[in-house]
């Protein structure tokens, strides 16, 4: 469990430095140079992901709470919205007229959905930790950016529909591959609740 906790903490700290301690980030950039600073940040993020994956796979865990029986199914629905929001954050989207931080909101939905579906200690650490990071980031980034200025250009309805189709395709791929990257099958005889 230590590696999982370390990975979630490292991920959160590296990402929060920009919005919580911009002076520290600027100082590191000036000292190291922009290229080496970006390289260091990328290395730390890769290390965090490696720790999270290793920690998830090797953690000894116990059940903390019983998730609701409908939590697994609601989580599957919420993941479509989370993936759609991740995509909407990458370019023009009408979603940005309603949601200031689509990617962080998508991460928060991803975390909350998984907490509804899983009640074990490693899920609380991973999804609770990353959900808390996303929530803090929404507030700190908004504070640094000042008043919300909604984008003047938005995507066409066709572009939004394409984004939804892409989200559904990615959802299907992630659903099918879930047992390989998370170690938990979502369908079939080995799926939870089957």
N, C-alpha and C. Protein backbone atom coordinates (compact mmCIF):
# COMPACT_ATOMS: atom_id res chain seq x y z
N UNK A 1 0.84 -1.21 0.00
CA UNK A 1 0.00 0.00 0.00
C UNK A 1 0.87 1.26 0.00
N UNK A 2 2.10 1.13 0.52
CA UNK A 2 2.98 2.29 0.59
C UNK A 2 3.30 2.88 -0.77
N UNK A 3 3.53 2.00 -1.76
CA UNK A 3 3.85 2.48 -3.11
C UNK A 3 2.65 3.22 -3.71
N UNK A 4 1.45 2.71 -3.46
CA UNK A 4 0.24 3.36 -3.99
C UNK A 4 0.06 4.73 -3.37
N UNK A 5 0.21 4.82 -2.06
CA UNK A 5 0.09 6.12 -1.37
C UNK A 5 1.15 7.08 -1.89
N UNK A 6 2.40 6.59 -2.03
CA UNK A 6 3.48 7.44 -2.53
C UNK A 6 3.19 7.94 -3.93
N UNK A 7 2.65 7.07 -4.79
CA UNK A 7 2.33 7.46 -6.16
C UNK A 7 1.25 8.52 -6.23
N UNK A 8 0.18 8.34 -5.44
CA UNK A 8 -0.91 9.33 -5.41
C UNK A 8 -0.41 10.66 -4.87
N UNK A 9 0.40 10.62 -3.82
CA UNK A 9 0.96 11.86 -3.25
C UNK A 9 1.88 12.55 -4.25
N UNK A 10 2.76 11.79 -4.90
CA UNK A 10 3.69 12.39 -5.86
C UNK A 10 2.93 13.02 -7.02
N UNK A 11 1.95 12.30 -7.57
CA UNK A 11 1.11 12.84 -8.66
C UNK A 11 0.46 14.15 -8.23
N UNK A 12 -0.12 14.16 -7.04
CA UNK A 12 -0.85 15.33 -6.55
C UNK A 12 0.09 16.51 -6.32
N UNK A 13 1.21 16.27 -5.68
CA UNK A 13 2.15 17.36 -5.39
C UNK A 13 2.70 17.96 -6.67
N UNK A 14 3.14 17.11 -7.60
CA UNK A 14 3.71 17.61 -8.86
C UNK A 14 2.69 18.48 -9.60
N UNK A 15 1.44 18.02 -9.63
CA UNK A 15 0.41 18.78 -10.36
C UNK A 15 -0.05 20.03 -9.60
N UNK A 16 -0.01 19.98 -8.28
CA UNK A 16 -0.49 21.12 -7.50
C UNK A 16 0.53 22.26 -7.38
N UNK A 17 1.80 21.97 -7.63
CA UNK A 17 2.84 23.02 -7.48
C UNK A 17 2.50 24.24 -8.33
N UNK A 18 2.02 24.02 -9.55
CA UNK A 18 1.73 25.13 -10.46
C UNK A 18 0.65 26.06 -9.91
N UNK A 19 -0.40 25.47 -9.30
CA UNK A 19 -1.51 26.31 -8.84
C UNK A 19 -1.41 26.71 -7.37
N UNK A 20 -0.72 25.91 -6.57
CA UNK A 20 -0.62 26.22 -5.13
C UNK A 20 0.62 27.04 -4.81
N UNK A 21 1.72 26.72 -5.49
CA UNK A 21 2.99 27.41 -5.22
C UNK A 21 3.64 27.84 -6.53
N UNK A 22 3.01 28.79 -7.26
CA UNK A 22 3.57 29.19 -8.56
C UNK A 22 4.96 29.79 -8.45
N UNK A 23 5.29 30.39 -7.30
CA UNK A 23 6.62 30.95 -7.10
C UNK A 23 7.69 29.87 -7.08
N UNK A 24 7.38 28.75 -6.44
CA UNK A 24 8.32 27.63 -6.40
C UNK A 24 8.54 27.09 -7.81
N UNK A 25 7.47 26.95 -8.56
CA UNK A 25 7.58 26.46 -9.94
C UNK A 25 8.41 27.41 -10.79
N UNK A 26 8.14 28.71 -10.67
CA UNK A 26 8.90 29.70 -11.45
C UNK A 26 10.37 29.67 -11.06
N UNK A 27 10.66 29.52 -9.76
CA UNK A 27 12.04 29.44 -9.31
C UNK A 27 12.77 28.24 -9.89
N UNK A 28 12.08 27.09 -9.91
CA UNK A 28 12.68 25.88 -10.49
C UNK A 28 12.91 26.04 -11.99
N UNK A 29 11.96 26.66 -12.67
CA UNK A 29 12.11 26.89 -14.11
C UNK A 29 13.30 27.79 -14.38
N UNK A 30 13.47 28.86 -13.60
CA UNK A 30 14.59 29.78 -13.79
C UNK A 30 15.93 29.09 -13.50
N UNK A 31 15.93 28.25 -12.48
CA UNK A 31 17.17 27.59 -12.07
C UNK A 31 17.59 26.49 -13.04
N UNK A 32 16.59 25.70 -13.49
CA UNK A 32 16.90 24.56 -14.35
C UNK A 32 16.83 24.88 -15.84
N UNK A 33 16.03 25.87 -16.19
CA UNK A 33 15.72 26.11 -17.61
C UNK A 33 14.41 25.44 -17.95
N UNK A 34 13.72 25.95 -18.96
CA UNK A 34 12.38 25.45 -19.28
C UNK A 34 12.40 23.99 -19.72
N UNK A 35 13.31 23.63 -20.61
CA UNK A 35 13.38 22.25 -21.11
C UNK A 35 13.67 21.24 -20.00
N UNK A 36 14.75 21.43 -19.22
CA UNK A 36 15.02 20.49 -18.13
C UNK A 36 13.90 20.44 -17.09
N UNK A 37 13.27 21.60 -16.84
CA UNK A 37 12.15 21.61 -15.88
C UNK A 37 11.02 20.74 -16.38
N UNK A 38 10.66 20.87 -17.66
CA UNK A 38 9.59 20.03 -18.23
C UNK A 38 9.98 18.55 -18.17
N UNK A 39 11.25 18.28 -18.44
CA UNK A 39 11.73 16.89 -18.36
C UNK A 39 11.62 16.33 -16.96
N UNK A 40 11.96 17.14 -15.95
CA UNK A 40 11.86 16.71 -14.56
C UNK A 40 10.41 16.44 -14.18
N UNK A 41 9.52 17.34 -14.59
CA UNK A 41 8.09 17.16 -14.29
C UNK A 41 7.58 15.87 -14.95
N UNK A 42 7.96 15.65 -16.22
CA UNK A 42 7.52 14.43 -16.92
C UNK A 42 8.05 13.18 -16.22
N UNK A 43 9.31 13.22 -15.80
CA UNK A 43 9.91 12.09 -15.09
C UNK A 43 9.17 11.80 -13.78
N UNK A 44 8.85 12.86 -13.05
CA UNK A 44 8.13 12.69 -11.78
C UNK A 44 6.73 12.13 -12.00
N UNK A 45 6.05 12.57 -13.07
CA UNK A 45 4.71 12.06 -13.37
C UNK A 45 4.77 10.59 -13.78
N UNK A 46 5.76 10.24 -14.60
CA UNK A 46 5.93 8.83 -14.99
C UNK A 46 6.23 7.97 -13.75
N UNK A 47 7.08 8.49 -12.86
CA UNK A 47 7.39 7.77 -11.61
C UNK A 47 6.13 7.59 -10.77
N UNK A 48 5.31 8.65 -10.68
CA UNK A 48 4.06 8.57 -9.92
C UNK A 48 3.14 7.50 -10.51
N UNK A 49 3.01 7.48 -11.84
CA UNK A 49 2.17 6.48 -12.49
C UNK A 49 2.69 5.06 -12.26
N UNK A 50 4.01 4.90 -12.33
CA UNK A 50 4.61 3.58 -12.08
C UNK A 50 4.33 3.13 -10.65
N UNK A 51 4.48 4.04 -9.70
CA UNK A 51 4.19 3.71 -8.30
C UNK A 51 2.72 3.35 -8.10
N UNK A 52 1.83 4.11 -8.77
CA UNK A 52 0.39 3.84 -8.65
C UNK A 52 0.06 2.46 -9.21
N UNK A 53 0.58 2.15 -10.40
CA UNK A 53 0.30 0.85 -11.02
C UNK A 53 0.87 -0.29 -10.18
N UNK A 54 2.13 -0.16 -9.79
CA UNK A 54 2.77 -1.18 -8.97
C UNK A 54 2.04 -1.31 -7.63
N UNK A 55 1.74 -0.18 -7.01
CA UNK A 55 1.06 -0.19 -5.72
C UNK A 55 -0.31 -0.81 -5.80
N UNK A 56 -1.05 -0.51 -6.86
CA UNK A 56 -2.39 -1.07 -7.04
C UNK A 56 -2.32 -2.59 -7.17
N UNK A 57 -1.37 -3.05 -7.96
CA UNK A 57 -1.24 -4.48 -8.24
C UNK A 57 -0.77 -5.28 -7.03
N UNK A 58 0.03 -4.67 -6.16
CA UNK A 58 0.65 -5.42 -5.06
C UNK A 58 0.05 -5.13 -3.68
N UNK A 59 -0.83 -4.15 -3.59
CA UNK A 59 -1.35 -3.73 -2.28
C UNK A 59 -2.17 -4.84 -1.62
N UNK A 60 -1.92 -5.04 -0.34
CA UNK A 60 -2.80 -5.88 0.49
C UNK A 60 -3.93 -4.96 0.95
N UNK A 61 -5.14 -5.32 0.66
CA UNK A 61 -6.24 -4.41 0.98
C UNK A 61 -7.35 -5.13 1.73
N UNK A 62 -8.17 -4.33 2.38
CA UNK A 62 -9.33 -4.84 3.10
C UNK A 62 -10.52 -3.95 2.77
N UNK A 63 -11.70 -4.44 3.05
CA UNK A 63 -12.90 -3.66 2.72
C UNK A 63 -13.18 -2.65 3.83
N UNK A 64 -13.41 -1.41 3.40
CA UNK A 64 -13.65 -0.30 4.31
C UNK A 64 -15.16 -0.05 4.44
N UNK A 65 -15.88 -0.20 3.34
CA UNK A 65 -17.34 0.01 3.35
C UNK A 65 -17.96 -0.83 2.25
N UNK A 66 -19.25 -1.07 2.36
CA UNK A 66 -20.00 -1.78 1.33
C UNK A 66 -20.54 -0.77 0.34
N UNK A 67 -20.07 -0.81 -0.91
CA UNK A 67 -20.63 0.13 -1.90
C UNK A 67 -22.08 -0.24 -2.22
N UNK A 68 -22.87 0.72 -2.65
CA UNK A 68 -24.27 0.41 -2.97
C UNK A 68 -24.34 -0.58 -4.14
N UNK A 69 -25.38 -1.38 -4.17
CA UNK A 69 -25.51 -2.40 -5.23
C UNK A 69 -25.60 -1.76 -6.61
N UNK A 70 -26.14 -0.55 -6.68
CA UNK A 70 -26.27 0.14 -7.97
C UNK A 70 -25.01 0.93 -8.33
N UNK A 71 -24.03 0.98 -7.42
CA UNK A 71 -22.84 1.79 -7.65
C UNK A 71 -22.03 1.37 -8.85
N UNK A 72 -21.90 0.05 -9.06
CA UNK A 72 -21.12 -0.45 -10.20
C UNK A 72 -21.72 -0.01 -11.52
N UNK A 73 -23.04 -0.09 -11.64
CA UNK A 73 -23.70 0.27 -12.90
C UNK A 73 -23.67 1.79 -13.12
N UNK A 74 -23.87 2.55 -12.05
CA UNK A 74 -23.79 4.00 -12.19
C UNK A 74 -22.38 4.42 -12.58
N UNK A 75 -21.38 3.75 -12.02
CA UNK A 75 -20.00 4.04 -12.36
C UNK A 75 -19.76 3.85 -13.86
N UNK A 76 -20.28 2.79 -14.42
CA UNK A 76 -20.10 2.52 -15.85
C UNK A 76 -20.70 3.64 -16.69
N UNK A 77 -21.84 4.16 -16.28
CA UNK A 77 -22.45 5.28 -16.99
C UNK A 77 -21.63 6.56 -16.81
N UNK A 78 -21.19 6.81 -15.59
CA UNK A 78 -20.41 8.02 -15.32
C UNK A 78 -19.11 8.06 -16.11
N UNK A 79 -18.53 6.89 -16.40
CA UNK A 79 -17.26 6.86 -17.13
C UNK A 79 -17.41 7.41 -18.55
N UNK A 80 -18.58 7.24 -19.14
CA UNK A 80 -18.81 7.84 -20.47
C UNK A 80 -18.70 9.36 -20.37
N UNK A 81 -19.32 9.94 -19.36
CA UNK A 81 -19.26 11.39 -19.17
C UNK A 81 -17.84 11.85 -18.84
N UNK A 82 -17.14 11.07 -18.02
CA UNK A 82 -15.77 11.44 -17.66
C UNK A 82 -14.88 11.47 -18.90
N UNK A 83 -14.97 10.44 -19.74
CA UNK A 83 -14.15 10.38 -20.96
C UNK A 83 -14.53 11.51 -21.90
N UNK A 84 -15.82 11.79 -22.02
CA UNK A 84 -16.27 12.90 -22.87
C UNK A 84 -15.70 14.23 -22.38
N UNK A 85 -15.68 14.44 -21.07
CA UNK A 85 -15.13 15.68 -20.51
C UNK A 85 -13.62 15.77 -20.74
N UNK A 86 -12.91 14.64 -20.64
CA UNK A 86 -11.47 14.65 -20.94
C UNK A 86 -11.24 15.15 -22.36
N UNK A 87 -12.06 14.66 -23.29
CA UNK A 87 -11.94 15.09 -24.69
C UNK A 87 -12.33 16.54 -24.89
N UNK A 88 -13.40 16.97 -24.21
CA UNK A 88 -13.87 18.35 -24.35
C UNK A 88 -12.82 19.35 -23.88
N UNK A 89 -11.96 18.92 -22.96
CA UNK A 89 -10.92 19.83 -22.45
C UNK A 89 -9.83 20.09 -23.47
N UNK A 90 -9.76 19.26 -24.51
CA UNK A 90 -8.63 19.34 -25.45
C UNK A 90 -8.80 20.39 -26.55
N UNK A 91 -9.97 20.93 -26.71
CA UNK A 91 -10.18 21.90 -27.78
C UNK A 91 -11.47 22.67 -27.58
N UNK A 92 -12.01 23.20 -28.66
CA UNK A 92 -13.26 23.94 -28.58
C UNK A 92 -14.39 22.98 -28.20
N UNK A 93 -15.26 23.44 -27.33
CA UNK A 93 -16.40 22.62 -26.94
C UNK A 93 -17.45 23.50 -26.29
N UNK A 94 -18.71 23.17 -26.55
CA UNK A 94 -19.80 23.90 -25.91
C UNK A 94 -19.84 23.61 -24.41
N UNK A 95 -19.26 22.48 -24.01
CA UNK A 95 -19.20 22.12 -22.60
C UNK A 95 -18.51 23.21 -21.79
N UNK A 96 -17.54 23.88 -22.40
CA UNK A 96 -16.78 24.91 -21.68
C UNK A 96 -17.61 26.14 -21.37
N UNK A 97 -18.82 26.22 -21.90
CA UNK A 97 -19.73 27.29 -21.52
C UNK A 97 -20.40 26.99 -20.18
N UNK A 98 -20.33 25.73 -19.76
CA UNK A 98 -21.01 25.31 -18.53
C UNK A 98 -20.05 24.78 -17.47
N UNK A 99 -18.92 24.22 -17.91
CA UNK A 99 -17.95 23.64 -16.98
C UNK A 99 -16.60 24.31 -17.21
N UNK A 100 -16.10 24.97 -16.19
CA UNK A 100 -14.86 25.75 -16.33
C UNK A 100 -13.64 24.85 -16.54
N UNK A 101 -13.59 23.72 -15.86
CA UNK A 101 -12.43 22.82 -15.94
C UNK A 101 -12.90 21.42 -16.30
N UNK A 102 -13.16 21.16 -17.59
CA UNK A 102 -13.71 19.85 -17.98
C UNK A 102 -12.82 18.66 -17.59
N UNK A 103 -11.51 18.79 -17.75
CA UNK A 103 -10.65 17.65 -17.46
C UNK A 103 -10.65 17.33 -15.96
N UNK A 104 -10.51 18.34 -15.13
CA UNK A 104 -10.52 18.11 -13.69
C UNK A 104 -11.90 17.62 -13.22
N UNK A 105 -12.95 18.15 -13.83
CA UNK A 105 -14.30 17.68 -13.50
C UNK A 105 -14.46 16.22 -13.92
N UNK A 106 -13.93 15.87 -15.10
CA UNK A 106 -13.96 14.48 -15.55
C UNK A 106 -13.21 13.57 -14.59
N UNK A 107 -12.07 14.04 -14.09
CA UNK A 107 -11.30 13.26 -13.12
C UNK A 107 -12.08 13.08 -11.82
N UNK A 108 -12.77 14.12 -11.41
CA UNK A 108 -13.58 14.05 -10.18
C UNK A 108 -14.73 13.05 -10.36
N UNK A 109 -15.36 13.06 -11.53
CA UNK A 109 -16.43 12.10 -11.82
C UNK A 109 -15.88 10.68 -11.85
N UNK A 110 -14.69 10.51 -12.49
CA UNK A 110 -14.03 9.20 -12.54
C UNK A 110 -13.79 8.67 -11.13
N UNK A 111 -13.27 9.53 -10.27
CA UNK A 111 -12.95 9.12 -8.90
C UNK A 111 -14.22 8.79 -8.11
N UNK A 112 -15.22 9.67 -8.18
CA UNK A 112 -16.46 9.46 -7.44
C UNK A 112 -17.17 8.19 -7.90
N UNK A 113 -17.19 7.98 -9.21
CA UNK A 113 -17.83 6.78 -9.75
C UNK A 113 -17.16 5.51 -9.24
N UNK A 114 -15.84 5.51 -9.23
CA UNK A 114 -15.12 4.32 -8.76
C UNK A 114 -15.29 4.10 -7.25
N UNK A 115 -15.46 5.18 -6.51
CA UNK A 115 -15.72 5.02 -5.07
C UNK A 115 -17.13 4.47 -4.82
N UNK A 116 -18.06 4.74 -5.73
CA UNK A 116 -19.40 4.16 -5.63
C UNK A 116 -19.40 2.67 -5.95
N UNK A 117 -18.41 2.23 -6.75
CA UNK A 117 -18.36 0.84 -7.18
C UNK A 117 -17.44 -0.03 -6.32
N UNK A 118 -16.52 0.59 -5.59
CA UNK A 118 -15.51 -0.17 -4.85
C UNK A 118 -15.42 0.35 -3.42
N UNK A 119 -15.35 -0.58 -2.47
CA UNK A 119 -15.26 -0.17 -1.07
C UNK A 119 -14.01 -0.63 -0.36
N UNK A 120 -12.97 -1.00 -1.12
CA UNK A 120 -11.75 -1.51 -0.50
C UNK A 120 -10.76 -0.39 -0.23
N UNK A 121 -9.78 -0.68 0.60
CA UNK A 121 -8.84 0.34 1.06
C UNK A 121 -7.97 0.89 -0.07
N UNK A 122 -7.57 0.06 -1.03
CA UNK A 122 -6.73 0.59 -2.11
C UNK A 122 -7.55 1.52 -3.02
N UNK A 123 -8.84 1.23 -3.18
CA UNK A 123 -9.70 2.12 -3.97
C UNK A 123 -9.88 3.46 -3.27
N UNK A 124 -10.02 3.43 -1.94
CA UNK A 124 -10.14 4.67 -1.18
C UNK A 124 -8.89 5.52 -1.36
N UNK A 125 -7.71 4.87 -1.30
CA UNK A 125 -6.46 5.60 -1.47
C UNK A 125 -6.35 6.18 -2.89
N UNK A 126 -6.57 5.33 -3.91
CA UNK A 126 -6.38 5.79 -5.29
C UNK A 126 -7.46 6.78 -5.72
N UNK A 127 -8.71 6.36 -5.66
CA UNK A 127 -9.78 7.20 -6.19
C UNK A 127 -10.09 8.37 -5.25
N UNK A 128 -10.03 8.10 -3.95
CA UNK A 128 -10.23 9.19 -2.99
C UNK A 128 -9.12 10.22 -3.09
N UNK A 129 -7.88 9.74 -3.20
CA UNK A 129 -6.73 10.65 -3.29
C UNK A 129 -6.74 11.48 -4.56
N UNK A 130 -6.97 10.84 -5.70
CA UNK A 130 -6.98 11.59 -6.96
C UNK A 130 -8.23 12.46 -7.09
N UNK A 131 -9.33 12.02 -6.51
CA UNK A 131 -10.52 12.87 -6.49
C UNK A 131 -10.30 14.12 -5.67
N UNK A 132 -9.65 13.96 -4.52
CA UNK A 132 -9.32 15.11 -3.68
C UNK A 132 -8.37 16.06 -4.40
N UNK A 133 -7.37 15.49 -5.10
CA UNK A 133 -6.44 16.33 -5.89
C UNK A 133 -7.22 17.13 -6.94
N UNK A 134 -8.14 16.48 -7.66
CA UNK A 134 -8.90 17.17 -8.70
C UNK A 134 -9.75 18.29 -8.10
N UNK A 135 -10.39 18.01 -6.97
CA UNK A 135 -11.24 19.02 -6.33
C UNK A 135 -10.41 20.23 -5.87
N UNK A 136 -9.27 19.97 -5.23
CA UNK A 136 -8.40 21.06 -4.80
C UNK A 136 -7.92 21.86 -6.01
N UNK A 137 -7.56 21.15 -7.08
CA UNK A 137 -7.07 21.82 -8.29
C UNK A 137 -8.12 22.73 -8.91
N UNK A 138 -9.38 22.28 -8.91
CA UNK A 138 -10.44 23.12 -9.47
C UNK A 138 -10.47 24.48 -8.75
N UNK A 139 -10.36 24.44 -7.43
CA UNK A 139 -10.40 25.69 -6.66
C UNK A 139 -9.12 26.51 -6.82
N UNK A 140 -7.96 25.86 -6.76
CA UNK A 140 -6.70 26.63 -6.82
C UNK A 140 -6.45 27.20 -8.21
N UNK A 141 -6.75 26.43 -9.25
CA UNK A 141 -6.58 26.94 -10.62
C UNK A 141 -7.55 28.08 -10.87
N UNK A 142 -8.80 27.94 -10.43
CA UNK A 142 -9.79 29.01 -10.61
C UNK A 142 -9.36 30.28 -9.88
N UNK A 143 -8.82 30.11 -8.67
CA UNK A 143 -8.34 31.27 -7.90
C UNK A 143 -7.22 31.99 -8.64
N UNK A 144 -6.30 31.23 -9.20
CA UNK A 144 -5.18 31.85 -9.92
C UNK A 144 -5.60 32.50 -11.22
N UNK A 145 -6.60 31.91 -11.88
CA UNK A 145 -7.04 32.46 -13.17
C UNK A 145 -7.93 33.69 -13.00
N UNK A 146 -8.53 33.86 -11.83
CA UNK A 146 -9.43 34.98 -11.61
C UNK A 146 -10.82 34.67 -12.11
N UNK A 147 -11.61 35.72 -12.37
CA UNK A 147 -13.00 35.50 -12.80
C UNK A 147 -13.07 34.64 -14.06
N UNK A 148 -14.09 33.81 -14.11
CA UNK A 148 -14.26 32.89 -15.24
C UNK A 148 -14.67 33.68 -16.48
N UNK A 149 -13.85 33.61 -17.51
CA UNK A 149 -14.17 34.21 -18.81
C UNK A 149 -14.46 33.05 -19.75
N UNK A 150 -15.71 32.90 -20.11
CA UNK A 150 -16.10 31.78 -20.96
C UNK A 150 -15.56 31.99 -22.37
N UNK A 151 -15.13 30.91 -23.04
CA UNK A 151 -14.60 31.06 -24.40
C UNK A 151 -15.65 31.61 -25.36
N UNK A 152 -15.21 32.45 -26.26
CA UNK A 152 -16.15 33.03 -27.23
C UNK A 152 -16.40 32.09 -28.40
N UNK A 153 -15.44 31.21 -28.67
CA UNK A 153 -15.61 30.26 -29.77
C UNK A 153 -15.94 28.88 -29.19
N UNK A 154 -16.94 28.25 -29.76
CA UNK A 154 -17.32 26.91 -29.32
C UNK A 154 -17.37 25.99 -30.53
N UNK A 155 -17.43 24.71 -30.27
CA UNK A 155 -17.51 23.72 -31.34
C UNK A 155 -18.93 23.67 -31.91
N UNK A 156 -19.03 23.18 -33.14
CA UNK A 156 -20.34 22.99 -33.76
C UNK A 156 -21.01 21.76 -33.14
N UNK A 157 -22.29 21.62 -33.39
CA UNK A 157 -23.02 20.46 -32.89
C UNK A 157 -22.41 19.18 -33.45
N UNK A 158 -22.01 19.22 -34.73
CA UNK A 158 -21.38 18.06 -35.35
C UNK A 158 -20.09 17.66 -34.65
N UNK A 159 -19.32 18.66 -34.25
CA UNK A 159 -18.06 18.39 -33.54
C UNK A 159 -18.33 17.79 -32.17
N UNK A 160 -19.38 18.26 -31.51
CA UNK A 160 -19.75 17.70 -30.21
C UNK A 160 -20.22 16.26 -30.34
N UNK A 161 -20.99 15.97 -31.39
CA UNK A 161 -21.45 14.60 -31.62
C UNK A 161 -20.25 13.69 -31.91
N UNK A 162 -19.30 14.19 -32.71
CA UNK A 162 -18.08 13.43 -32.99
C UNK A 162 -17.32 13.16 -31.69
N UNK A 163 -17.26 14.16 -30.82
CA UNK A 163 -16.60 13.98 -29.53
C UNK A 163 -17.27 12.89 -28.70
N UNK A 164 -18.59 12.84 -28.74
CA UNK A 164 -19.33 11.82 -28.00
C UNK A 164 -19.08 10.43 -28.60
N UNK A 165 -19.05 10.35 -29.92
CA UNK A 165 -18.77 9.06 -30.59
C UNK A 165 -17.37 8.58 -30.21
N UNK A 166 -16.39 9.48 -30.24
CA UNK A 166 -15.02 9.11 -29.86
C UNK A 166 -14.99 8.65 -28.41
N UNK A 167 -15.72 9.35 -27.54
CA UNK A 167 -15.78 8.96 -26.12
C UNK A 167 -16.36 7.56 -25.97
N UNK A 168 -17.39 7.24 -26.74
CA UNK A 168 -18.01 5.91 -26.66
C UNK A 168 -17.07 4.82 -27.16
N UNK A 169 -16.31 5.12 -28.22
CA UNK A 169 -15.32 4.15 -28.73
C UNK A 169 -14.22 3.92 -27.69
N UNK A 170 -13.71 5.02 -27.13
CA UNK A 170 -12.68 4.89 -26.09
C UNK A 170 -13.23 4.14 -24.88
N UNK A 171 -14.47 4.42 -24.52
CA UNK A 171 -15.10 3.72 -23.40
C UNK A 171 -15.12 2.22 -23.66
N UNK A 172 -15.53 1.83 -24.87
CA UNK A 172 -15.60 0.40 -25.22
C UNK A 172 -14.21 -0.25 -25.12
N UNK A 173 -13.18 0.47 -25.60
CA UNK A 173 -11.81 -0.07 -25.54
C UNK A 173 -11.37 -0.21 -24.09
N UNK A 174 -11.56 0.84 -23.29
CA UNK A 174 -11.16 0.81 -21.89
C UNK A 174 -11.94 -0.24 -21.11
N UNK A 175 -13.22 -0.41 -21.43
CA UNK A 175 -14.05 -1.42 -20.78
C UNK A 175 -13.48 -2.81 -21.05
N UNK A 176 -13.17 -3.08 -22.32
CA UNK A 176 -12.64 -4.39 -22.69
C UNK A 176 -11.26 -4.66 -22.14
N UNK A 177 -10.44 -3.63 -22.01
CA UNK A 177 -9.05 -3.78 -21.55
C UNK A 177 -8.90 -3.64 -20.04
N UNK A 178 -9.99 -3.34 -19.33
CA UNK A 178 -9.91 -3.04 -17.90
C UNK A 178 -9.21 -4.15 -17.10
N UNK A 179 -9.45 -5.39 -17.46
CA UNK A 179 -8.84 -6.48 -16.71
C UNK A 179 -7.33 -6.52 -16.88
N UNK A 180 -6.81 -5.97 -17.98
CA UNK A 180 -5.37 -5.99 -18.22
C UNK A 180 -4.65 -4.87 -17.49
N UNK A 181 -5.23 -3.66 -17.49
CA UNK A 181 -4.52 -2.55 -16.85
C UNK A 181 -4.92 -2.35 -15.39
N UNK A 182 -6.11 -2.81 -14.99
CA UNK A 182 -6.54 -2.65 -13.59
C UNK A 182 -6.60 -3.97 -12.83
N UNK A 183 -6.53 -5.08 -13.57
CA UNK A 183 -6.59 -6.38 -12.91
C UNK A 183 -7.98 -6.81 -12.52
N UNK A 184 -9.01 -6.11 -13.00
CA UNK A 184 -10.40 -6.42 -12.65
C UNK A 184 -11.22 -6.50 -13.94
N UNK A 185 -11.80 -7.66 -14.22
CA UNK A 185 -12.67 -7.81 -15.39
C UNK A 185 -14.01 -7.14 -15.09
N UNK A 186 -14.56 -6.43 -16.06
CA UNK A 186 -15.85 -5.76 -15.86
C UNK A 186 -17.03 -6.58 -16.38
N UNK A 187 -16.73 -7.57 -17.21
CA UNK A 187 -17.78 -8.44 -17.75
C UNK A 187 -17.25 -9.87 -17.79
N UNK A 188 -18.16 -10.83 -17.81
CA UNK A 188 -17.75 -12.23 -17.87
C UNK A 188 -17.80 -12.89 -16.50
N UNK A 189 -17.34 -14.14 -16.44
CA UNK A 189 -17.47 -14.90 -15.19
C UNK A 189 -16.63 -14.36 -14.03
N UNK A 190 -15.56 -13.63 -14.33
CA UNK A 190 -14.70 -13.11 -13.27
C UNK A 190 -15.06 -11.68 -12.84
N UNK A 191 -16.12 -11.14 -13.42
CA UNK A 191 -16.50 -9.76 -13.09
C UNK A 191 -17.09 -9.70 -11.70
N UNK A 192 -16.87 -8.57 -11.00
CA UNK A 192 -17.48 -8.41 -9.67
C UNK A 192 -19.00 -8.49 -9.76
N UNK A 193 -19.60 -9.18 -8.84
CA UNK A 193 -21.05 -9.29 -8.81
C UNK A 193 -21.64 -10.31 -9.74
N UNK A 194 -20.76 -11.03 -10.50
CA UNK A 194 -21.31 -12.03 -11.44
C UNK A 194 -21.31 -13.41 -10.80
